[in-house]
């Protein structure tokens, strides 16, 4: 299974973005984490079936109601065996 790394830019800190990402990931059965970065972006890493990761990516591009996503930088890699979905 692939690993998705998404770096999300915009108004994405302090608006529930990480909790939103966690909720959507768990709904799709994905593993990974969401973490605020010092530069104001949110890093989201997820592992699972490619089709589910593509759906998850669409959610990340939309974000929760209070967020304003400007850009999502996407990288793909091999899975690392993450378990659960955590917010840091």
PDB file of N, CA and C in Angstrom:
ATOM      1  N   UNK A   1       0.838  -1.187   0.000  1.00  0.00           N
ATOM      2  CA  UNK A   1       0.000   0.000   0.000  1.00  0.00           C
ATOM      3  C   UNK A   1       0.880   1.247   0.000  1.00  0.00           C
ATOM      4  N   UNK A   2       0.410   2.301  -0.607  1.00  0.00           N
ATOM      5  CA  UNK A   2       1.208   3.534  -0.662  1.00  0.00           C
ATOM      6  C   UNK A   2       1.067   4.384   0.596  1.00  0.00           C
ATOM      7  N   UNK A   3       1.948   5.362   0.668  1.00  0.00           N
ATOM      8  CA  UNK A   3       1.959   6.339   1.761  1.00  0.00           C
ATOM      9  C   UNK A   3       1.803   7.717   1.133  1.00  0.00           C
ATOM     10  N   UNK A   4       0.881   8.498   1.660  1.00  0.00           N
ATOM     11  CA  UNK A   4       0.628   9.858   1.199  1.00  0.00           C
ATOM     12  C   UNK A   4       1.220  10.834   2.206  1.00  0.00           C
ATOM     13  N   UNK A   5       1.980  11.790   1.717  1.00  0.00           N
ATOM     14  CA  UNK A   5       2.442  12.910   2.544  1.00  0.00           C
ATOM     15  C   UNK A   5       1.863  14.168   1.920  1.00  0.00           C
ATOM     16  N   UNK A   6       1.041  14.878   2.685  1.00  0.00           N
ATOM     17  CA  UNK A   6       0.427  16.114   2.204  1.00  0.00           C
ATOM     18  C   UNK A   6       0.852  17.260   3.109  1.00  0.00           C
ATOM     19  N   UNK A   7       1.373  18.311   2.512  1.00  0.00           N
ATOM     20  CA  UNK A   7       1.714  19.533   3.232  1.00  0.00           C
ATOM     21  C   UNK A   7       0.664  20.572   2.850  1.00  0.00           C
ATOM     22  N   UNK A   8      -0.151  20.940   3.815  1.00  0.00           N
ATOM     23  CA  UNK A   8      -1.323  21.772   3.556  1.00  0.00           C
ATOM     24  C   UNK A   8      -1.055  23.199   4.009  1.00  0.00           C
ATOM     25  N   UNK A   9      -1.221  24.131   3.076  1.00  0.00           N
ATOM     26  CA  UNK A   9      -0.941  25.544   3.309  1.00  0.00           C
ATOM     27  C   UNK A   9      -2.237  26.338   3.276  1.00  0.00           C
ATOM     28  N   UNK A  10      -2.304  27.378   4.098  1.00  0.00           N
ATOM     29  CA  UNK A  10      -3.474  28.258   4.145  1.00  0.00           C
ATOM     30  C   UNK A  10      -3.850  28.517   5.588  1.00  0.00           C
ATOM     31  N   UNK A  11      -5.118  28.819   5.813  1.00  0.00           N
ATOM     32  CA  UNK A  11      -5.615  28.991   7.179  1.00  0.00           C
ATOM     33  C   UNK A  11      -6.015  27.600   7.667  1.00  0.00           C
ATOM     34  N   UNK A  12      -5.016  26.865   8.177  1.00  0.00           N
ATOM     35  CA  UNK A  12      -5.245  25.465   8.546  1.00  0.00           C
ATOM     36  C   UNK A  12      -4.825  25.153   9.980  1.00  0.00           C
ATOM     37  N   UNK A  13      -4.346  26.138  10.720  1.00  0.00           N
ATOM     38  CA  UNK A  13      -4.042  25.935  12.133  1.00  0.00           C
ATOM     39  C   UNK A  13      -5.032  26.739  12.969  1.00  0.00           C
ATOM     40  N   UNK A  14      -5.518  26.125  14.045  1.00  0.00           N
ATOM     41  CA  UNK A  14      -6.476  26.792  14.921  1.00  0.00           C
ATOM     42  C   UNK A  14      -7.902  26.750  14.411  1.00  0.00           C
ATOM     43  N   UNK A  15      -8.173  25.894  13.432  1.00  0.00           N
ATOM     44  CA  UNK A  15      -9.523  25.807  12.849  1.00  0.00           C
ATOM     45  C   UNK A  15     -10.058  24.373  12.855  1.00  0.00           C
ATOM     46  N   UNK A  16      -9.404  23.475  13.588  1.00  0.00           N
ATOM     47  CA  UNK A  16      -9.862  22.091  13.655  1.00  0.00           C
ATOM     48  C   UNK A  16      -9.438  21.223  12.493  1.00  0.00           C
ATOM     49  N   UNK A  17      -8.419  21.662  11.760  1.00  0.00           N
ATOM     50  CA  UNK A  17      -8.005  20.920  10.565  1.00  0.00           C
ATOM     51  C   UNK A  17      -7.463  19.536  10.902  1.00  0.00           C
ATOM     52  N   UNK A  18      -6.626  19.433  11.930  1.00  0.00           N
ATOM     53  CA  UNK A  18      -6.038  18.136  12.274  1.00  0.00           C
ATOM     54  C   UNK A  18      -7.106  17.149  12.736  1.00  0.00           C
ATOM     55  N   UNK A  19      -8.058  17.600  13.544  1.00  0.00           N
ATOM     56  CA  UNK A  19      -9.152  16.733  13.993  1.00  0.00           C
ATOM     57  C   UNK A  19     -10.012  16.308  12.800  1.00  0.00           C
ATOM     58  N   UNK A  20     -10.233  17.233  11.869  1.00  0.00           N
ATOM     59  CA  UNK A  20     -10.973  16.923  10.644  1.00  0.00           C
ATOM     60  C   UNK A  20     -10.251  15.827   9.854  1.00  0.00           C
ATOM     61  N   UNK A  21      -8.943  15.983   9.695  1.00  0.00           N
ATOM     62  CA  UNK A  21      -8.150  14.995   8.960  1.00  0.00           C
ATOM     63  C   UNK A  21      -8.220  13.638   9.659  1.00  0.00           C
ATOM     64  N   UNK A  22      -8.124  13.639  10.976  1.00  0.00           N
ATOM     65  CA  UNK A  22      -8.190  12.391  11.733  1.00  0.00           C
ATOM     66  C   UNK A  22      -9.547  11.710  11.540  1.00  0.00           C
ATOM     67  N   UNK A  23     -10.621  12.463  11.633  1.00  0.00           N
ATOM     68  CA  UNK A  23     -11.967  11.913  11.470  1.00  0.00           C
ATOM     69  C   UNK A  23     -12.147  11.295  10.085  1.00  0.00           C
ATOM     70  N   UNK A  24     -11.724  12.011   9.047  1.00  0.00           N
ATOM     71  CA  UNK A  24     -11.864  11.498   7.678  1.00  0.00           C
ATOM     72  C   UNK A  24     -10.991  10.262   7.462  1.00  0.00           C
ATOM     73  N   UNK A  25      -9.772  10.275   8.023  1.00  0.00           N
ATOM     74  CA  UNK A  25      -8.872   9.124   7.879  1.00  0.00           C
ATOM     75  C   UNK A  25      -9.478   7.888   8.533  1.00  0.00           C
ATOM     76  N   UNK A  26     -10.011   8.058   9.731  1.00  0.00           N
ATOM     77  CA  UNK A  26     -10.597   6.919  10.436  1.00  0.00           C
ATOM     78  C   UNK A  26     -11.829   6.399   9.717  1.00  0.00           C
ATOM     79  N   UNK A  27     -12.632   7.297   9.143  1.00  0.00           N
ATOM     80  CA  UNK A  27     -13.801   6.876   8.352  1.00  0.00           C
ATOM     81  C   UNK A  27     -13.371   6.009   7.168  1.00  0.00           C
ATOM     82  N   UNK A  28     -12.205   6.306   6.609  1.00  0.00           N
ATOM     83  CA  UNK A  28     -11.701   5.571   5.441  1.00  0.00           C
ATOM     84  C   UNK A  28     -10.798   4.395   5.823  1.00  0.00           C
ATOM     85  N   UNK A  29     -10.556   4.213   7.120  1.00  0.00           N
ATOM     86  CA  UNK A  29      -9.716   3.108   7.569  1.00  0.00           C
ATOM     87  C   UNK A  29      -8.230   3.312   7.316  1.00  0.00           C
ATOM     88  N   UNK A  30      -7.790   4.569   7.280  1.00  0.00           N
ATOM     89  CA  UNK A  30      -6.387   4.883   7.016  1.00  0.00           C
ATOM     90  C   UNK A  30      -5.602   5.032   8.319  1.00  0.00           C
ATOM     91  N   UNK A  31      -4.310   4.824   8.242  1.00  0.00           N
ATOM     92  CA  UNK A  31      -3.396   5.037   9.371  1.00  0.00           C
ATOM     93  C   UNK A  31      -2.517   6.234   9.063  1.00  0.00           C
ATOM     94  N   UNK A  32      -2.019   6.887  10.125  1.00  0.00           N
ATOM     95  CA  UNK A  32      -1.105   7.999   9.908  1.00  0.00           C
ATOM     96  C   UNK A  32      -1.184   9.026  11.003  1.00  0.00           C
ATOM     97  N   UNK A  33      -0.956  10.289  10.629  1.00  0.00           N
ATOM     98  CA  UNK A  33      -0.983  11.365  11.610  1.00  0.00           C
ATOM     99  C   UNK A  33      -1.153  12.715  10.925  1.00  0.00           C
ATOM    100  N   UNK A  34      -1.547  13.711  11.729  1.00  0.00           N
ATOM    101  CA  UNK A  34      -1.619  15.103  11.292  1.00  0.00           C
ATOM    102  C   UNK A  34      -0.900  15.929  12.350  1.00  0.00           C
ATOM    103  N   UNK A  35      -0.059  16.864  11.890  1.00  0.00           N
ATOM    104  CA  UNK A  35       0.771  17.632  12.810  1.00  0.00           C
ATOM    105  C   UNK A  35       0.928  19.068  12.311  1.00  0.00           C
ATOM    106  N   UNK A  36       0.793  20.034  13.224  1.00  0.00           N
ATOM    107  CA  UNK A  36       1.065  21.427  12.878  1.00  0.00           C
ATOM    108  C   UNK A  36       2.565  21.608  12.694  1.00  0.00           C
ATOM    109  N   UNK A  37       2.949  22.384  11.690  1.00  0.00           N
ATOM    110  CA  UNK A  37       4.344  22.720  11.457  1.00  0.00           C
ATOM    111  C   UNK A  37       4.590  24.161  11.902  1.00  0.00           C
ATOM    112  N   UNK A  38       5.817  24.493  12.291  1.00  0.00           N
ATOM    113  CA  UNK A  38       6.125  25.850  12.761  1.00  0.00           C
ATOM    114  C   UNK A  38       5.845  26.936  11.727  1.00  0.00           C
ATOM    115  N   UNK A  39       5.865  26.596  10.437  1.00  0.00           N
ATOM    116  CA  UNK A  39       5.657  27.608   9.392  1.00  0.00           C
ATOM    117  C   UNK A  39       4.180  27.859   9.074  1.00  0.00           C
ATOM    118  N   UNK A  40       3.258  27.254   9.859  1.00  0.00           N
ATOM    119  CA  UNK A  40       1.832  27.497   9.653  1.00  0.00           C
ATOM    120  C   UNK A  40       1.133  26.441   8.822  1.00  0.00           C
ATOM    121  N   UNK A  41       1.888  25.540   8.222  1.00  0.00           N
ATOM    122  CA  UNK A  41       1.273  24.456   7.454  1.00  0.00           C
ATOM    123  C   UNK A  41       0.902  23.303   8.379  1.00  0.00           C
ATOM    124  N   UNK A  42       0.120  22.366   7.841  1.00  0.00           N
ATOM    125  CA  UNK A  42      -0.177  21.119   8.526  1.00  0.00           C
ATOM    126  C   UNK A  42       0.386  19.993   7.676  1.00  0.00           C
ATOM    127  N   UNK A  43       1.132  19.087   8.313  1.00  0.00           N
ATOM    128  CA  UNK A  43       1.654  17.899   7.644  1.00  0.00           C
ATOM    129  C   UNK A  43       0.700  16.745   7.939  1.00  0.00           C
ATOM    130  N   UNK A  44       0.237  16.091   6.879  1.00  0.00           N
ATOM    131  CA  UNK A  44      -0.642  14.939   7.031  1.00  0.00           C
ATOM    132  C   UNK A  44       0.009  13.760   6.328  1.00  0.00           C
ATOM    133  N   UNK A  45       0.188  12.671   7.064  1.00  0.00           N
ATOM    134  CA  UNK A  45       0.736  11.441   6.512  1.00  0.00           C
ATOM    135  C   UNK A  45      -0.315  10.365   6.682  1.00  0.00           C
ATOM    136  N   UNK A  46      -0.595   9.621   5.611  1.00  0.00           N
ATOM    137  CA  UNK A  46      -1.594   8.558   5.684  1.00  0.00           C
ATOM    138  C   UNK A  46      -1.166   7.374   4.839  1.00  0.00           C
ATOM    139  N   UNK A  47      -1.536   6.185   5.309  1.00  0.00           N
ATOM    140  CA  UNK A  47      -1.260   4.944   4.589  1.00  0.00           C
ATOM    141  C   UNK A  47      -2.544   4.147   4.444  1.00  0.00           C
ATOM    142  N   UNK A  48      -2.667   3.488   3.300  1.00  0.00           N
ATOM    143  CA  UNK A  48      -3.840   2.664   3.029  1.00  0.00           C
ATOM    144  C   UNK A  48      -3.956   2.417   1.543  1.00  0.00           C
ATOM    145  N   UNK A  49      -5.086   1.849   1.122  1.00  0.00           N
ATOM    146  CA  UNK A  49      -5.302   1.608  -0.308  1.00  0.00           C
ATOM    147  C   UNK A  49      -5.291   2.917  -1.101  1.00  0.00           C
ATOM    148  N   UNK A  50      -4.707   2.880  -2.276  1.00  0.00           N
ATOM    149  CA  UNK A  50      -4.568   4.077  -3.131  1.00  0.00           C
ATOM    150  C   UNK A  50      -5.903   4.790  -3.358  1.00  0.00           C
ATOM    151  N   UNK A  51      -6.953   4.017  -3.615  1.00  0.00           N
ATOM    152  CA  UNK A  51      -8.270   4.624  -3.890  1.00  0.00           C
ATOM    153  C   UNK A  51      -8.755   5.421  -2.675  1.00  0.00           C
ATOM    154  N   UNK A  52      -8.556   4.860  -1.475  1.00  0.00           N
ATOM    155  CA  UNK A  52      -8.980   5.551  -0.258  1.00  0.00           C
ATOM    156  C   UNK A  52      -8.118   6.783   0.015  1.00  0.00           C
ATOM    157  N   UNK A  53      -6.838   6.697  -0.300  1.00  0.00           N
ATOM    158  CA  UNK A  53      -5.956   7.853  -0.135  1.00  0.00           C
ATOM    159  C   UNK A  53      -6.351   8.980  -1.081  1.00  0.00           C
ATOM    160  N   UNK A  54      -6.792   8.640  -2.278  1.00  0.00           N
ATOM    161  CA  UNK A  54      -7.239   9.663  -3.238  1.00  0.00           C
ATOM    162  C   UNK A  54      -8.489  10.372  -2.716  1.00  0.00           C
ATOM    163  N   UNK A  55      -9.418   9.616  -2.127  1.00  0.00           N
ATOM    164  CA  UNK A  55     -10.621  10.217  -1.531  1.00  0.00           C
ATOM    165  C   UNK A  55     -10.215  11.112  -0.363  1.00  0.00           C
ATOM    166  N   UNK A  56      -9.313  10.621   0.469  1.00  0.00           N
ATOM    167  CA  UNK A  56      -8.812  11.385   1.619  1.00  0.00           C
ATOM    168  C   UNK A  56      -8.175  12.695   1.152  1.00  0.00           C
ATOM    169  N   UNK A  57      -7.409  12.635   0.092  1.00  0.00           N
ATOM    170  CA  UNK A  57      -6.754  13.827  -0.449  1.00  0.00           C
ATOM    171  C   UNK A  57      -7.785  14.869  -0.868  1.00  0.00           C
ATOM    172  N   UNK A  58      -8.890  14.437  -1.436  1.00  0.00           N
ATOM    173  CA  UNK A  58      -9.956  15.388  -1.800  1.00  0.00           C
ATOM    174  C   UNK A  58     -10.508  16.077  -0.559  1.00  0.00           C
ATOM    175  N   UNK A  59     -10.680  15.317   0.524  1.00  0.00           N
ATOM    176  CA  UNK A  59     -11.126  15.913   1.793  1.00  0.00           C
ATOM    177  C   UNK A  59     -10.106  16.920   2.302  1.00  0.00           C
ATOM    178  N   UNK A  60      -8.823  16.568   2.207  1.00  0.00           N
ATOM    179  CA  UNK A  60      -7.776  17.480   2.675  1.00  0.00           C
ATOM    180  C   UNK A  60      -7.777  18.781   1.886  1.00  0.00           C
ATOM    181  N   UNK A  61      -8.065  18.697   0.611  1.00  0.00           N
ATOM    182  CA  UNK A  61      -8.109  19.911  -0.231  1.00  0.00           C
ATOM    183  C   UNK A  61      -9.295  20.797   0.128  1.00  0.00           C
ATOM    184  N   UNK A  62     -10.353  20.201   0.652  1.00  0.00           N
ATOM    185  CA  UNK A  62     -11.544  20.958   1.063  1.00  0.00           C
ATOM    186  C   UNK A  62     -11.362  21.515   2.474  1.00  0.00           C
ATOM    187  N   UNK A  63     -10.994  20.661   3.420  1.00  0.00           N
ATOM    188  CA  UNK A  63     -10.813  21.068   4.811  1.00  0.00           C
ATOM    189  C   UNK A  63     -12.127  21.281   5.528  1.00  0.00           C
ATOM    190  N   UNK A  64     -12.059  21.544   6.831  1.00  0.00           N
ATOM    191  CA  UNK A  64     -13.270  21.822   7.608  1.00  0.00           C
ATOM    192  C   UNK A  64     -13.812  23.213   7.272  1.00  0.00           C
ATOM    193  N   UNK A  65     -14.987  23.489   7.773  1.00  0.00           N
ATOM    194  CA  UNK A  65     -15.710  24.717   7.440  1.00  0.00           C
ATOM    195  C   UNK A  65     -14.905  25.990   7.685  1.00  0.00           C
ATOM    196  N   UNK A  66     -14.170  26.060   8.792  1.00  0.00           N
ATOM    197  CA  UNK A  66     -13.452  27.297   9.131  1.00  0.00           C
ATOM    198  C   UNK A  66     -12.088  27.428   8.455  1.00  0.00           C
ATOM    199  N   UNK A  67     -11.633  26.380   7.811  1.00  0.00           N
ATOM    200  CA  UNK A  67     -10.314  26.410   7.160  1.00  0.00           C
ATOM    201  C   UNK A  67     -10.399  27.077   5.791  1.00  0.00           C
ATOM    202  N   UNK A  68      -9.250  27.537   5.330  1.00  0.00           N
ATOM    203  CA  UNK A  68      -9.122  28.050   3.967  1.00  0.00           C
ATOM    204  C   UNK A  68      -7.850  27.426   3.388  1.00  0.00           C
ATOM    205  N   UNK A  69      -8.016  26.351   2.647  1.00  0.00           N
ATOM    206  CA  UNK A  69      -6.874  25.649   2.064  1.00  0.00           C
ATOM    207  C   UNK A  69      -6.445  26.365   0.796  1.00  0.00           C
ATOM    208  N   UNK A  70      -5.178  26.780   0.763  1.00  0.00           N
ATOM    209  CA  UNK A  70      -4.648  27.473  -0.406  1.00  0.00           C
ATOM    210  C   UNK A  70      -3.889  26.534  -1.327  1.00  0.00           C
ATOM    211  N   UNK A  71      -3.194  25.570  -0.735  1.00  0.00           N
ATOM    212  CA  UNK A  71      -2.349  24.682  -1.538  1.00  0.00           C
ATOM    213  C   UNK A  71      -2.106  23.386  -0.773  1.00  0.00           C
ATOM    214  N   UNK A  72      -2.067  22.276  -1.503  1.00  0.00           N
ATOM    215  CA  UNK A  72      -1.699  20.992  -0.912  1.00  0.00           C
ATOM    216  C   UNK A  72      -0.565  20.413  -1.754  1.00  0.00           C
ATOM    217  N   UNK A  73       0.608  20.331  -1.138  1.00  0.00           N
ATOM    218  CA  UNK A  73       1.774  19.728  -1.794  1.00  0.00           C
ATOM    219  C   UNK A  73       1.739  18.238  -1.477  1.00  0.00           C
ATOM    220  N   UNK A  74       1.770  17.404  -2.510  1.00  0.00           N
ATOM    221  CA  UNK A  74       1.573  15.968  -2.349  1.00  0.00           C
ATOM    222  C   UNK A  74       2.830  15.199  -2.740  1.00  0.00           C
ATOM    223  N   UNK A  75       3.183  14.240  -1.888  1.00  0.00           N
ATOM    224  CA  UNK A  75       4.290  13.323  -2.162  1.00  0.00           C
ATOM    225  C   UNK A  75       3.808  11.905  -1.888  1.00  0.00           C
ATOM    226  N   UNK A  76       4.250  10.958  -2.703  1.00  0.00           N
ATOM    227  CA  UNK A  76       3.897   9.550  -2.527  1.00  0.00           C
ATOM    228  C   UNK A  76       5.158   8.758  -2.207  1.00  0.00           C
ATOM    229  N   UNK A  77       5.009   7.746  -1.364  1.00  0.00           N
ATOM    230  CA  UNK A  77       6.131   6.890  -0.982  1.00  0.00           C
ATOM    231  C   UNK A  77       5.592   5.500  -0.647  1.00  0.00           C
ATOM    232  N   UNK A  78       6.494   4.628  -0.219  1.00  0.00           N
ATOM    233  CA  UNK A  78       6.107   3.299   0.230  1.00  0.00           C
ATOM    234  C   UNK A  78       5.646   3.385   1.685  1.00  0.00           C
ATOM    235  N   UNK A  79       4.711   2.525   2.049  1.00  0.00           N
ATOM    236  CA  UNK A  79       4.200   2.539   3.419  1.00  0.00           C
ATOM    237  C   UNK A  79       5.291   2.195   4.421  1.00  0.00           C
ATOM    238  N   UNK A  80       5.089   2.678   5.648  1.00  0.00           N
ATOM    239  CA  UNK A  80       6.055   2.423   6.722  1.00  0.00           C
ATOM    240  C   UNK A  80       5.430   1.618   7.854  1.00  0.00           C
ATOM    241  N   UNK A  81       4.188   1.180   7.675  1.00  0.00           N
ATOM    242  CA  UNK A  81       3.535   0.360   8.689  1.00  0.00           C
ATOM    243  C   UNK A  81       2.971   1.140   9.863  1.00  0.00           C
ATOM    244  N   UNK A  82       2.455   2.329   9.620  1.00  0.00           N
ATOM    245  CA  UNK A  82       1.851   3.123  10.684  1.00  0.00           C
ATOM    246  C   UNK A  82       0.583   2.448  11.199  1.00  0.00           C
ATOM    247  N   UNK A  83       0.298   2.632  12.471  1.00  0.00           N
ATOM    248  CA  UNK A  83      -0.904   2.072  13.112  1.00  0.00           C
ATOM    249  C   UNK A  83      -1.733   3.200  13.722  1.00  0.00           C
ATOM    250  N   UNK A  84      -3.027   3.169  13.493  1.00  0.00           N
ATOM    251  CA  UNK A  84      -3.913   4.194  14.035  1.00  0.00           C
ATOM    252  C   UNK A  84      -3.721   5.522  13.312  1.00  0.00           C
ATOM    253  N   UNK A  85      -4.476   6.521  13.710  1.00  0.00           N
ATOM    254  CA  UNK A  85      -4.298   7.858  13.138  1.00  0.00           C
ATOM    255  C   UNK A  85      -4.230   8.841  14.297  1.00  0.00           C
ATOM    256  N   UNK A  86      -3.119   9.544  14.412  1.00  0.00           N
ATOM    257  CA  UNK A  86      -2.834  10.382  15.568  1.00  0.00           C
ATOM    258  C   UNK A  86      -2.747  11.863  15.190  1.00  0.00           C
ATOM    259  N   UNK A  87      -3.044  12.706  16.167  1.00  0.00           N
ATOM    260  CA  UNK A  87      -2.905  14.148  16.027  1.00  0.00           C
ATOM    261  C   UNK A  87      -1.799  14.592  16.964  1.00  0.00           C
ATOM    262  N   UNK A  88      -0.837  15.324  16.414  1.00  0.00           N
ATOM    263  CA  UNK A  88       0.273  15.848  17.219  1.00  0.00           C
ATOM    264  C   UNK A  88       0.241  17.357  17.227  1.00  0.00           C
TER     265      UNK A  88
END
